[in-house]
Amino acid sequence: MEEIKFTVDKEDKNIRLDKYISKIKEDFSRNYIQKLIDDEKILVNDKIEKKSYNIQANDEITIIIEEPKELSLEKKEDINLDIIYEDQDIIIINKPIGLIVHPVKGNKTDTLVNVLLAHTDKLGNINGTIRPGIVHRLDKNTSGTIVVAKSKDSLNNLLKQFKNRDTNKVYHTILKGTLPYNSGTIDAPIGRDPKNRTKMAVIKNNSKKAVTEFKVLKRFKDYTYVEVNLKTGRTHQIRVHFSHLGYPIIGDKRYGSTEELFELNYQLLHAYKLGFYHPKTKKWVEYKANLPNKFKTILSYLENKNKEV
């Protein structure tokens, strides 16, 4: 067990406890800080406080770090990884549709983490026993580029970059309808849908700022192929923003798609390109992931139909 201690400076007084920890420990993710507080591993003057506690000058903060538990996850060896790039510090994967990133309740074996554990022994326990090496995530049915850290230093560096929005995340998707704008920015806050708590929605109250930039790559009859650049990373952000405009992603029945021509049971959304500063070399790098075959087939069909019009 390790104890990390801090004394609060005057200029930091009245900051919420969770925000203060995030400030002084930039290598800690927000989820990890929340877990430490929930597990009563963060003490203020040797007392347990809530995350909303406003710290005061000269408060003594103690962070208790337990020894990492040994990984107990199964290795998944019957799924081949589409590896875009790999070195001693990172691995870039083109994640397929239908694969969950890390174990969740009800699925402890069929995830990207399980597949990675069969591929490399470099993950160790970094970022916990359930999400070793995981820096960010893609929805189960979103395909494309995802970076995984192979060391604690790489993980901390990349987590900081994603937190500070020093990355470049570009997606490709096809919308139902003919989008009338060549390019634009959707700046609309997103929060839990008050009418359905399992969904997200554009709402004013209890929401967070969400910004999506886009440009049209190709227009077809009744469909639009677009490239999207995420400026924030809210849950289901791209799906919610385009649904809000009235042009849902095809296949995304959860957010309003009624398109049935292509018989999709998932949203056609692909993380096409990911850019960041390499955690070891500090140089800017970008990696692209090929479109899934189904995506290519639909584009080809739409191209041919366009020629007939």
C-alpha atoms as a PDB file:
ATOM      1  CA  MET A   1       0.000   0.000   0.000  1.00  0.00           C
ATOM      2  CA  GLU A   2       1.188   3.522  -0.881  1.00  0.00           C
ATOM      3  CA  GLU A   3       0.090   6.832   0.663  1.00  0.00           C
ATOM      4  CA  ILE A   4       0.337  10.119  -1.248  1.00  0.00           C
ATOM      5  CA  LYS A   5       0.016  13.246   0.889  1.00  0.00           C
ATOM      6  CA  PHE A   6      -0.610  16.887  -0.047  1.00  0.00           C
ATOM      7  CA  THR A   7      -1.163  20.109   1.877  1.00  0.00           C
ATOM      8  CA  VAL A   8      -3.650  22.503   0.269  1.00  0.00           C
ATOM      9  CA  ASP A   9      -2.270  25.936  -0.688  1.00  0.00           C
ATOM     10  CA  LYS A  10      -4.251  29.106  -0.047  1.00  0.00           C
ATOM     11  CA  GLU A  11      -4.953  29.703  -3.749  1.00  0.00           C
ATOM     12  CA  ASP A  12      -6.687  26.314  -4.000  1.00  0.00           C
ATOM     13  CA  LYS A  13      -9.174  26.817  -1.179  1.00  0.00           C
ATOM     14  CA  ASN A  14     -12.872  26.282  -1.897  1.00  0.00           C
ATOM     15  CA  ILE A  15     -12.187  23.961  -4.850  1.00  0.00           C
ATOM     16  CA  ARG A  16     -14.228  20.742  -4.825  1.00  0.00           C
ATOM     17  CA  LEU A  17     -12.272  17.767  -3.550  1.00  0.00           C
ATOM     18  CA  ASP A  18     -12.600  15.753  -6.785  1.00  0.00           C
ATOM     19  CA  LYS A  19     -11.511  18.712  -8.923  1.00  0.00           C
ATOM     20  CA  TYR A  20      -8.538  19.380  -6.657  1.00  0.00           C
ATOM     21  CA  ILE A  21      -7.368  15.770  -6.934  1.00  0.00           C
ATOM     22  CA  SER A  22      -7.744  15.992 -10.713  1.00  0.00           C
ATOM     23  CA  LYS A  23      -5.594  19.135 -10.690  1.00  0.00           C
ATOM     24  CA  ILE A  24      -2.733  17.778  -8.583  1.00  0.00           C
ATOM     25  CA  LYS A  25      -2.800  14.258 -10.024  1.00  0.00           C
ATOM     26  CA  GLU A  26      -3.182  14.762 -13.772  1.00  0.00           C
ATOM     27  CA  ASP A  27      -2.298  11.117 -14.381  1.00  0.00           C
ATOM     28  CA  PHE A  28      -5.498  10.035 -12.579  1.00  0.00           C
ATOM     29  CA  SER A  29      -8.626   9.665 -14.718  1.00  0.00           C
ATOM     30  CA  ARG A  30     -11.924  11.129 -13.480  1.00  0.00           C
ATOM     31  CA  ASN A  31     -13.358   7.631 -13.100  1.00  0.00           C
ATOM     32  CA  TYR A  32     -10.374   6.529 -11.043  1.00  0.00           C
ATOM     33  CA  ILE A  33     -10.664   9.568  -8.740  1.00  0.00           C
ATOM     34  CA  GLN A  34     -14.377   8.880  -8.280  1.00  0.00           C
ATOM     35  CA  LYS A  35     -13.624   5.259  -7.418  1.00  0.00           C
ATOM     36  CA  LEU A  36     -10.986   6.289  -4.867  1.00  0.00           C
ATOM     37  CA  ILE A  37     -13.476   8.632  -3.196  1.00  0.00           C
ATOM     38  CA  ASP A  38     -16.268   6.023  -3.266  1.00  0.00           C
ATOM     39  CA  ASP A  39     -13.889   3.438  -1.791  1.00  0.00           C
ATOM     40  CA  GLU A  40     -12.912   5.899   0.975  1.00  0.00           C
ATOM     41  CA  LYS A  41      -9.299   5.949  -0.190  1.00  0.00           C
ATOM     42  CA  ILE A  42      -9.066   9.763  -0.143  1.00  0.00           C
ATOM     43  CA  LEU A  43      -8.981  11.387   3.291  1.00  0.00           C
ATOM     44  CA  VAL A  44      -9.092  15.035   4.324  1.00  0.00           C
ATOM     45  CA  ASN A  45      -7.435  15.654   7.679  1.00  0.00           C
ATOM     46  CA  ASP A  46      -7.740  11.881   8.270  1.00  0.00           C
ATOM     47  CA  LYS A  47     -11.500  12.025   7.706  1.00  0.00           C
ATOM     48  CA  ILE A  48     -13.688  10.756   4.887  1.00  0.00           C
ATOM     49  CA  GLU A  49     -15.291  13.527   2.833  1.00  0.00           C
ATOM     50  CA  LYS A  50     -17.638  13.589  -0.175  1.00  0.00           C
ATOM     51  CA  LYS A  51     -16.391  14.600  -3.629  1.00  0.00           C
ATOM     52  CA  SER A  52     -18.317  17.873  -3.264  1.00  0.00           C
ATOM     53  CA  TYR A  53     -16.363  18.901  -0.149  1.00  0.00           C
ATOM     54  CA  ASN A  54     -14.761  22.347  -0.631  1.00  0.00           C
ATOM     55  CA  ILE A  55     -11.147  22.057   0.442  1.00  0.00           C
ATOM     56  CA  GLN A  56      -9.600  24.690   2.690  1.00  0.00           C
ATOM     57  CA  ALA A  57      -6.097  26.112   3.042  1.00  0.00           C
ATOM     58  CA  ASN A  58      -3.770  23.800   4.986  1.00  0.00           C
ATOM     59  CA  ASP A  59      -6.077  20.788   4.630  1.00  0.00           C
ATOM     60  CA  GLU A  60      -4.050  17.577   4.652  1.00  0.00           C
ATOM     61  CA  ILE A  61      -5.061  15.320   1.745  1.00  0.00           C
ATOM     62  CA  THR A  62      -4.132  11.631   1.848  1.00  0.00           C
ATOM     63  CA  ILE A  63      -4.564   9.351  -1.170  1.00  0.00           C
ATOM     64  CA  ILE A  64      -4.324   5.636  -0.394  1.00  0.00           C
ATOM     65  CA  ILE A  65      -3.199   3.484  -3.318  1.00  0.00           C
ATOM     66  CA  GLU A  66      -3.715  -0.236  -2.836  1.00  0.00           C
ATOM     67  CA  GLU A  67      -1.372  -2.778  -4.367  1.00  0.00           C
ATOM     68  CA  PRO A  68      -2.761  -3.788  -7.776  1.00  0.00           C
ATOM     69  CA  LYS A  69      -4.630  -7.050  -7.875  1.00  0.00           C
ATOM     70  CA  GLU A  70      -3.504  -9.748 -10.242  1.00  0.00           C
ATOM     71  CA  LEU A  71      -5.386  -9.934 -13.490  1.00  0.00           C
ATOM     72  CA  SER A  72      -8.023 -12.613 -13.401  1.00  0.00           C
ATOM     73  CA  LEU A  73      -9.482 -12.053 -16.864  1.00  0.00           C
ATOM     74  CA  GLU A  74      -9.566 -14.820 -19.433  1.00  0.00           C
ATOM     75  CA  LYS A  75      -7.525 -14.563 -22.615  1.00  0.00           C
ATOM     76  CA  LYS A  76      -9.536 -14.628 -25.824  1.00  0.00           C
ATOM     77  CA  GLU A  77      -7.454 -16.330 -28.485  1.00  0.00           C
ATOM     78  CA  ASP A  78     -10.041 -17.047 -31.198  1.00  0.00           C
ATOM     79  CA  ILE A  79     -10.397 -13.431 -32.410  1.00  0.00           C
ATOM     80  CA  ASN A  80      -7.740 -11.951 -34.675  1.00  0.00           C
ATOM     81  CA  LEU A  81      -6.755  -8.342 -34.039  1.00  0.00           C
ATOM     82  CA  ASP A  82      -6.557  -5.895 -36.939  1.00  0.00           C
ATOM     83  CA  ILE A  83      -3.373  -4.167 -35.760  1.00  0.00           C
ATOM     84  CA  ILE A  84      -2.641  -0.844 -37.473  1.00  0.00           C
ATOM     85  CA  TYR A  85       0.566  -0.126 -35.539  1.00  0.00           C
ATOM     86  CA  GLU A  86       2.418  -1.472 -32.512  1.00  0.00           C
ATOM     87  CA  ASP A  87       5.626  -0.691 -30.613  1.00  0.00           C
ATOM     88  CA  GLN A  88       6.853  -1.056 -27.027  1.00  0.00           C
ATOM     89  CA  ASP A  89       4.604   1.765 -25.779  1.00  0.00           C
ATOM     90  CA  ILE A  90       1.312   1.634 -27.669  1.00  0.00           C
ATOM     91  CA  ILE A  91      -0.839  -0.534 -29.881  1.00  0.00           C
ATOM     92  CA  ILE A  92      -3.346   0.840 -32.409  1.00  0.00           C
ATOM     93  CA  ILE A  93      -6.294  -1.398 -33.264  1.00  0.00           C
ATOM     94  CA  ASN A  94      -8.972  -1.215 -35.937  1.00  0.00           C
ATOM     95  CA  LYS A  95     -11.798  -2.366 -33.654  1.00  0.00           C
ATOM     96  CA  PRO A  96     -14.486  -4.411 -35.390  1.00  0.00           C
ATOM     97  CA  ILE A  97     -18.212  -3.847 -35.051  1.00  0.00           C
ATOM     98  CA  GLY A  98     -19.777  -5.794 -32.186  1.00  0.00           C
ATOM     99  CA  LEU A  99     -16.726  -5.957 -29.907  1.00  0.00           C
ATOM    100  CA  ILE A 100     -16.994  -4.332 -26.469  1.00  0.00           C
ATOM    101  CA  VAL A 101     -13.796  -2.545 -25.385  1.00  0.00           C
ATOM    102  CA  HIS A 102     -13.495  -3.773 -21.787  1.00  0.00           C
ATOM    103  CA  PRO A 103     -15.290  -6.272 -19.510  1.00  0.00           C
ATOM    104  CA  VAL A 104     -18.652  -5.228 -18.109  1.00  0.00           C
ATOM    105  CA  LYS A 105     -21.281  -6.911 -15.992  1.00  0.00           C
ATOM    106  CA  GLY A 106     -22.566  -9.855 -17.995  1.00  0.00           C
ATOM    107  CA  ASN A 107     -19.562  -9.996 -20.326  1.00  0.00           C
ATOM    108  CA  LYS A 108     -16.179 -10.753 -18.780  1.00  0.00           C
ATOM    109  CA  THR A 109     -14.659 -12.716 -21.662  1.00  0.00           C
ATOM    110  CA  ASP A 110     -15.639 -11.475 -25.136  1.00  0.00           C
ATOM    111  CA  THR A 111     -14.033  -8.017 -25.143  1.00  0.00           C
ATOM    112  CA  LEU A 112     -11.094  -6.214 -26.732  1.00  0.00           C
ATOM    113  CA  VAL A 113      -9.214  -6.437 -23.425  1.00  0.00           C
ATOM    114  CA  ASN A 114      -9.517 -10.239 -23.406  1.00  0.00           C
ATOM    115  CA  VAL A 115      -8.226 -10.381 -26.981  1.00  0.00           C
ATOM    116  CA  LEU A 116      -5.321  -8.052 -26.142  1.00  0.00           C
ATOM    117  CA  LEU A 117      -4.322 -10.189 -23.152  1.00  0.00           C
ATOM    118  CA  ALA A 118      -3.883 -13.106 -25.541  1.00  0.00           C
ATOM    119  CA  HIS A 119      -1.796 -10.919 -27.852  1.00  0.00           C
ATOM    120  CA  THR A 120       0.620  -9.272 -25.403  1.00  0.00           C
ATOM    121  CA  ASP A 121       1.803  -9.581 -21.807  1.00  0.00           C
ATOM    122  CA  LYS A 122       2.742  -5.892 -21.684  1.00  0.00           C
ATOM    123  CA  LEU A 123      -0.571  -4.648 -20.302  1.00  0.00           C
ATOM    124  CA  GLY A 124       0.024  -5.729 -16.708  1.00  0.00           C
ATOM    125  CA  ASN A 125      -2.466  -4.121 -14.330  1.00  0.00           C
ATOM    126  CA  ILE A 126      -2.157  -0.588 -15.691  1.00  0.00           C
ATOM    127  CA  ASN A 127      -5.479   1.263 -15.340  1.00  0.00           C
ATOM    128  CA  GLY A 128      -6.900  -1.468 -13.121  1.00  0.00           C
ATOM    129  CA  THR A 129      -7.700  -5.130 -13.537  1.00  0.00           C
ATOM    130  CA  ILE A 130     -10.803  -4.629 -15.705  1.00  0.00           C
ATOM    131  CA  ARG A 131      -9.467  -1.994 -18.113  1.00  0.00           C
ATOM    132  CA  PRO A 132      -5.723  -2.674 -18.397  1.00  0.00           C
ATOM    133  CA  GLY A 133      -4.146  -0.282 -20.898  1.00  0.00           C
ATOM    134  CA  ILE A 134      -7.448   1.217 -22.007  1.00  0.00           C
ATOM    135  CA  VAL A 135      -7.155   4.949 -22.701  1.00  0.00           C
ATOM    136  CA  HIS A 136     -10.519   5.638 -24.345  1.00  0.00           C
ATOM    137  CA  ARG A 137     -13.406   3.600 -25.673  1.00  0.00           C
ATOM    138  CA  LEU A 138     -15.664   3.171 -28.673  1.00  0.00           C
ATOM    139  CA  ASP A 139     -19.256   1.957 -28.472  1.00  0.00           C
ATOM    140  CA  LYS A 140     -19.760  -1.750 -29.076  1.00  0.00           C
ATOM    141  CA  ASN A 141     -21.090  -1.173 -32.596  1.00  0.00           C
ATOM    142  CA  THR A 142     -18.728   1.662 -33.542  1.00  0.00           C
ATOM    143  CA  SER A 143     -15.707   0.458 -35.483  1.00  0.00           C
ATOM    144  CA  GLY A 144     -12.280   1.969 -36.073  1.00  0.00           C
ATOM    145  CA  THR A 145      -9.109   3.327 -34.490  1.00  0.00           C
ATOM    146  CA  ILE A 146      -8.470   2.881 -30.792  1.00  0.00           C
ATOM    147  CA  VAL A 147      -5.158   3.291 -28.964  1.00  0.00           C
ATOM    148  CA  VAL A 148      -4.135   1.064 -26.049  1.00  0.00           C
ATOM    149  CA  ALA A 149      -1.182   1.768 -23.725  1.00  0.00           C
ATOM    150  CA  LYS A 150       1.418  -0.906 -23.035  1.00  0.00           C
ATOM    151  CA  SER A 151       3.054   0.791 -20.044  1.00  0.00           C
ATOM    152  CA  LYS A 152       1.991   2.933 -17.096  1.00  0.00           C
ATOM    153  CA  ASP A 153       3.924   5.953 -18.408  1.00  0.00           C
ATOM    154  CA  SER A 154       2.236   5.694 -21.803  1.00  0.00           C
ATOM    155  CA  LEU A 155      -1.172   5.313 -20.189  1.00  0.00           C
ATOM    156  CA  ASN A 156      -0.746   8.395 -17.989  1.00  0.00           C
ATOM    157  CA  ASN A 157       0.549  10.443 -20.908  1.00  0.00           C
ATOM    158  CA  LEU A 158      -2.311   9.477 -23.207  1.00  0.00           C
ATOM    159  CA  LEU A 159      -4.978   9.907 -20.526  1.00  0.00           C
ATOM    160  CA  LYS A 160      -3.741  13.458 -20.020  1.00  0.00           C
ATOM    161  CA  GLN A 161      -3.855  14.163 -23.762  1.00  0.00           C
ATOM    162  CA  PHE A 162      -7.440  12.902 -24.057  1.00  0.00           C
ATOM    163  CA  LYS A 163      -8.457  14.837 -20.964  1.00  0.00           C
ATOM    164  CA  ASN A 164      -6.913  18.069 -22.306  1.00  0.00           C
ATOM    165  CA  ARG A 165      -8.330  17.428 -25.805  1.00  0.00           C
ATOM    166  CA  ASP A 166      -4.879  17.392 -27.354  1.00  0.00           C
ATOM    167  CA  THR A 167      -5.968  14.580 -29.683  1.00  0.00           C
ATOM    168  CA  ASN A 168      -7.626  14.557 -33.100  1.00  0.00           C
ATOM    169  CA  LYS A 169     -10.585  12.183 -33.490  1.00  0.00           C
ATOM    170  CA  VAL A 170     -12.103  11.888 -36.973  1.00  0.00           C
ATOM    171  CA  TYR A 171     -15.106   9.714 -37.840  1.00  0.00           C
ATOM    172  CA  HIS A 172     -16.888   8.734 -41.048  1.00  0.00           C
ATOM    173  CA  THR A 173     -20.589   8.029 -41.185  1.00  0.00           C
ATOM    174  CA  ILE A 174     -23.591   8.023 -43.523  1.00  0.00           C
ATOM    175  CA  LEU A 175     -26.670  10.036 -42.600  1.00  0.00           C
ATOM    176  CA  LYS A 176     -30.257   9.450 -43.645  1.00  0.00           C
ATOM    177  CA  GLY A 177     -31.355  12.435 -45.720  1.00  0.00           C
ATOM    178  CA  THR A 178     -29.579  15.032 -47.827  1.00  0.00           C
ATOM    179  CA  LEU A 179     -27.720  17.323 -45.446  1.00  0.00           C
ATOM    180  CA  PRO A 180     -27.988  20.865 -46.884  1.00  0.00           C
ATOM    181  CA  TYR A 181     -24.735  22.168 -45.372  1.00  0.00           C
ATOM    182  CA  ASN A 182     -21.296  21.564 -46.912  1.00  0.00           C
ATOM    183  CA  SER A 183     -19.670  21.921 -43.493  1.00  0.00           C
ATOM    184  CA  GLY A 184     -20.484  23.258 -40.069  1.00  0.00           C
ATOM    185  CA  THR A 185     -20.222  23.083 -36.305  1.00  0.00           C
ATOM    186  CA  ILE A 186     -22.882  21.638 -34.026  1.00  0.00           C
ATOM    187  CA  ASP A 187     -22.563  23.305 -30.625  1.00  0.00           C
ATOM    188  CA  ALA A 188     -25.348  21.850 -28.504  1.00  0.00           C
ATOM    189  CA  PRO A 189     -25.118  20.604 -24.880  1.00  0.00           C
ATOM    190  CA  ILE A 190     -25.775  16.927 -24.189  1.00  0.00           C
ATOM    191  CA  GLY A 191     -27.142  15.236 -21.080  1.00  0.00           C
ATOM    192  CA  ARG A 192     -29.353  12.341 -20.022  1.00  0.00           C
ATOM    193  CA  ASP A 193     -32.691  12.308 -21.825  1.00  0.00           C
ATOM    194  CA  PRO A 194     -35.235  13.168 -19.079  1.00  0.00           C
ATOM    195  CA  LYS A 195     -37.844  11.065 -20.915  1.00  0.00           C
ATOM    196  CA  ASN A 196     -35.584   8.016 -21.269  1.00  0.00           C
ATOM    197  CA  ARG A 197     -32.622   7.752 -18.882  1.00  0.00           C
ATOM    198  CA  THR A 198     -30.923   5.114 -21.041  1.00  0.00           C
ATOM    199  CA  LYS A 199     -30.494   7.656 -23.852  1.00  0.00           C
ATOM    200  CA  MET A 200     -28.682  10.959 -24.270  1.00  0.00           C
ATOM    201  CA  ALA A 201     -30.234  14.121 -25.697  1.00  0.00           C
ATOM    202  CA  VAL A 202     -29.604  17.768 -26.494  1.00  0.00           C
ATOM    203  CA  ILE A 203     -30.935  19.552 -23.398  1.00  0.00           C
ATOM    204  CA  LYS A 204     -30.249  22.801 -21.563  1.00  0.00           C
ATOM    205  CA  ASN A 205     -30.309  21.620 -17.949  1.00  0.00           C
ATOM    206  CA  ASN A 206     -28.028  19.001 -16.393  1.00  0.00           C
ATOM    207  CA  SER A 207     -25.940  18.826 -19.567  1.00  0.00           C
ATOM    208  CA  LYS A 208     -22.354  19.381 -20.701  1.00  0.00           C
ATOM    209  CA  LYS A 209     -20.962  21.371 -23.596  1.00  0.00           C
ATOM    210  CA  ALA A 210     -20.677  19.285 -26.758  1.00  0.00           C
ATOM    211  CA  VAL A 211     -19.106  20.437 -30.023  1.00  0.00           C
ATOM    212  CA  THR A 212     -19.036  18.477 -33.281  1.00  0.00           C
ATOM    213  CA  GLU A 213     -17.471  19.731 -36.530  1.00  0.00           C
ATOM    214  CA  PHE A 214     -18.385  18.111 -39.853  1.00  0.00           C
ATOM    215  CA  LYS A 215     -17.929  18.341 -43.608  1.00  0.00           C
ATOM    216  CA  VAL A 216     -19.800  16.594 -46.399  1.00  0.00           C
ATOM    217  CA  LEU A 217     -17.713  14.095 -48.361  1.00  0.00           C
ATOM    218  CA  LYS A 218     -20.435  13.037 -50.805  1.00  0.00           C
ATOM    219  CA  ARG A 219     -24.152  13.561 -51.330  1.00  0.00           C
ATOM    220  CA  PHE A 220     -26.409  10.826 -52.627  1.00  0.00           C
ATOM    221  CA  LYS A 221     -30.152  10.687 -53.195  1.00  0.00           C
ATOM    222  CA  ASP A 222     -31.612  10.578 -49.666  1.00  0.00           C
ATOM    223  CA  TYR A 223     -28.208   9.968 -48.005  1.00  0.00           C
ATOM    224  CA  THR A 224     -25.118  11.989 -47.031  1.00  0.00           C
ATOM    225  CA  TYR A 225     -21.583  10.708 -46.443  1.00  0.00           C
ATOM    226  CA  VAL A 226     -19.865  12.944 -43.873  1.00  0.00           C
ATOM    227  CA  GLU A 227     -16.582  13.302 -42.015  1.00  0.00           C
ATOM    228  CA  VAL A 228     -16.843  14.314 -38.368  1.00  0.00           C
ATOM    229  CA  ASN A 229     -14.241  15.879 -36.081  1.00  0.00           C
ATOM    230  CA  LEU A 230     -15.021  15.549 -32.381  1.00  0.00           C
ATOM    231  CA  LYS A 231     -14.066  18.561 -30.290  1.00  0.00           C
ATOM    232  CA  THR A 232     -15.563  17.112 -27.105  1.00  0.00           C
ATOM    233  CA  GLY A 233     -16.228  13.523 -26.103  1.00  0.00           C
ATOM    234  CA  ARG A 234     -19.743  13.170 -24.730  1.00  0.00           C
ATOM    235  CA  THR A 235     -21.534   9.830 -24.671  1.00  0.00           C
ATOM    236  CA  HIS A 236     -23.137   9.099 -28.076  1.00  0.00           C
ATOM    237  CA  GLN A 237     -22.233  12.654 -29.141  1.00  0.00           C
ATOM    238  CA  ILE A 238     -22.163  12.186 -32.934  1.00  0.00           C
ATOM    239  CA  ARG A 239     -25.306  10.088 -32.908  1.00  0.00           C
ATOM    240  CA  VAL A 240     -27.209  12.569 -30.729  1.00  0.00           C
ATOM    241  CA  HIS A 241     -26.078  15.689 -32.611  1.00  0.00           C
ATOM    242  CA  PHE A 242     -27.064  14.473 -36.077  1.00  0.00           C
ATOM    243  CA  SER A 243     -30.332  13.045 -34.779  1.00  0.00           C
ATOM    244  CA  HIS A 244     -30.991  16.480 -33.257  1.00  0.00           C
ATOM    245  CA  LEU A 245     -30.481  18.060 -36.700  1.00  0.00           C
ATOM    246  CA  GLY A 246     -32.957  15.610 -38.208  1.00  0.00           C
ATOM    247  CA  TYR A 247     -30.374  13.525 -40.089  1.00  0.00           C
ATOM    248  CA  PRO A 248     -29.769  10.387 -37.978  1.00  0.00           C
ATOM    249  CA  ILE A 249     -26.981   7.936 -38.731  1.00  0.00           C
ATOM    250  CA  ILE A 250     -28.316   5.039 -40.804  1.00  0.00           C
ATOM    251  CA  GLY A 251     -28.951   1.955 -38.744  1.00  0.00           C
ATOM    252  CA  ASP A 252     -29.167   3.953 -35.516  1.00  0.00           C
ATOM    253  CA  LYS A 253     -32.714   3.081 -34.484  1.00  0.00           C
ATOM    254  CA  ARG A 254     -31.950   4.207 -30.932  1.00  0.00           C
ATOM    255  CA  TYR A 255     -31.656   7.772 -32.144  1.00  0.00           C
ATOM    256  CA  GLY A 256     -34.342   7.932 -34.779  1.00  0.00           C
ATOM    257  CA  SER A 257     -33.173   6.104 -37.908  1.00  0.00           C
ATOM    258  CA  THR A 258     -36.032   4.425 -39.782  1.00  0.00           C
ATOM    259  CA  GLU A 259     -33.864   3.457 -42.781  1.00  0.00           C
ATOM    260  CA  GLU A 260     -34.375  -0.224 -43.671  1.00  0.00           C
ATOM    261  CA  LEU A 261     -32.810  -0.499 -47.141  1.00  0.00           C
ATOM    262  CA  PHE A 262     -29.458  -1.803 -45.859  1.00  0.00           C
ATOM    263  CA  GLU A 263     -30.854  -4.018 -43.063  1.00  0.00           C
ATOM    264  CA  LEU A 264     -28.468  -2.645 -40.451  1.00  0.00           C
ATOM    265  CA  ASN A 265     -28.943  -3.486 -36.767  1.00  0.00           C
ATOM    266  CA  TYR A 266     -26.251  -1.022 -35.633  1.00  0.00           C
ATOM    267  CA  GLN A 267     -25.222   2.574 -36.321  1.00  0.00           C
ATOM    268  CA  LEU A 268     -22.883   2.937 -39.327  1.00  0.00           C
ATOM    269  CA  LEU A 269     -20.191   4.945 -37.532  1.00  0.00           C
ATOM    270  CA  HIS A 270     -16.443   4.439 -38.038  1.00  0.00           C
ATOM    271  CA  ALA A 271     -13.520   6.028 -36.145  1.00  0.00           C
ATOM    272  CA  TYR A 272     -11.511   6.709 -39.294  1.00  0.00           C
ATOM    273  CA  LYS A 273      -8.485   8.570 -37.944  1.00  0.00           C
ATOM    274  CA  LEU A 274      -6.842   9.176 -34.564  1.00  0.00           C
ATOM    275  CA  GLY A 275      -4.053  11.672 -33.935  1.00  0.00           C
ATOM    276  CA  PHE A 276      -2.022  12.335 -30.767  1.00  0.00           C
ATOM    277  CA  TYR A 277       1.501  12.954 -29.504  1.00  0.00           C
ATOM    278  CA  HIS A 278       3.395   9.688 -29.175  1.00  0.00           C
ATOM    279  CA  PRO A 279       3.953   9.206 -25.413  1.00  0.00           C
ATOM    280  CA  LYS A 280       7.623   8.272 -25.887  1.00  0.00           C
ATOM    281  CA  THR A 281       8.873  10.317 -28.863  1.00  0.00           C
ATOM    282  CA  LYS A 282       6.513  13.275 -28.221  1.00  0.00           C
ATOM    283  CA  LYS A 283       6.038  13.566 -31.996  1.00  0.00           C
ATOM    284  CA  TRP A 284       2.585  14.038 -33.510  1.00  0.00           C
ATOM    285  CA  VAL A 285       1.317  10.799 -35.072  1.00  0.00           C
ATOM    286  CA  GLU A 286      -1.868   9.884 -36.925  1.00  0.00           C
ATOM    287  CA  TYR A 287      -3.319   6.461 -37.701  1.00  0.00           C
ATOM    288  CA  LYS A 288      -6.145   5.557 -40.056  1.00  0.00           C
ATOM    289  CA  ALA A 289      -8.428   2.517 -40.039  1.00  0.00           C
ATOM    290  CA  ASN A 290      -9.883   1.024 -43.204  1.00  0.00           C
ATOM    291  CA  LEU A 291     -13.660   1.157 -43.516  1.00  0.00           C
ATOM    292  CA  PRO A 292     -15.502  -2.089 -42.674  1.00  0.00           C
ATOM    293  CA  ASN A 293     -16.619  -4.136 -45.667  1.00  0.00           C
ATOM    294  CA  LYS A 294     -20.303  -3.408 -45.001  1.00  0.00           C
ATOM    295  CA  PHE A 295     -19.562   0.334 -45.008  1.00  0.00           C
ATOM    296  CA  LYS A 296     -17.710   0.000 -48.344  1.00  0.00           C
ATOM    297  CA  THR A 297     -20.544  -2.041 -49.832  1.00  0.00           C
ATOM    298  CA  ILE A 298     -23.125   0.588 -48.912  1.00  0.00           C
ATOM    299  CA  LEU A 299     -20.968   3.392 -50.348  1.00  0.00           C
ATOM    300  CA  SER A 300     -20.498   1.449 -53.566  1.00  0.00           C
ATOM    301  CA  TYR A 301     -24.247   0.853 -53.843  1.00  0.00           C
ATOM    302  CA  LEU A 302     -25.005   4.547 -53.302  1.00  0.00           C
ATOM    303  CA  GLU A 303     -22.357   5.563 -55.858  1.00  0.00           C
ATOM    304  CA  ASN A 304     -23.920   3.290 -58.480  1.00  0.00           C
ATOM    305  CA  LYS A 305     -27.451   4.507 -57.705  1.00  0.00           C
ATOM    306  CA  ASN A 306     -26.211   8.083 -58.093  1.00  0.00           C
ATOM    307  CA  LYS A 307     -25.012   7.296 -61.616  1.00  0.00           C
ATOM    308  CA  GLU A 308     -28.482   6.065 -62.505  1.00  0.00           C
ATOM    309  CA  VAL A 309     -30.159   9.302 -61.415  1.00  0.00           C
END
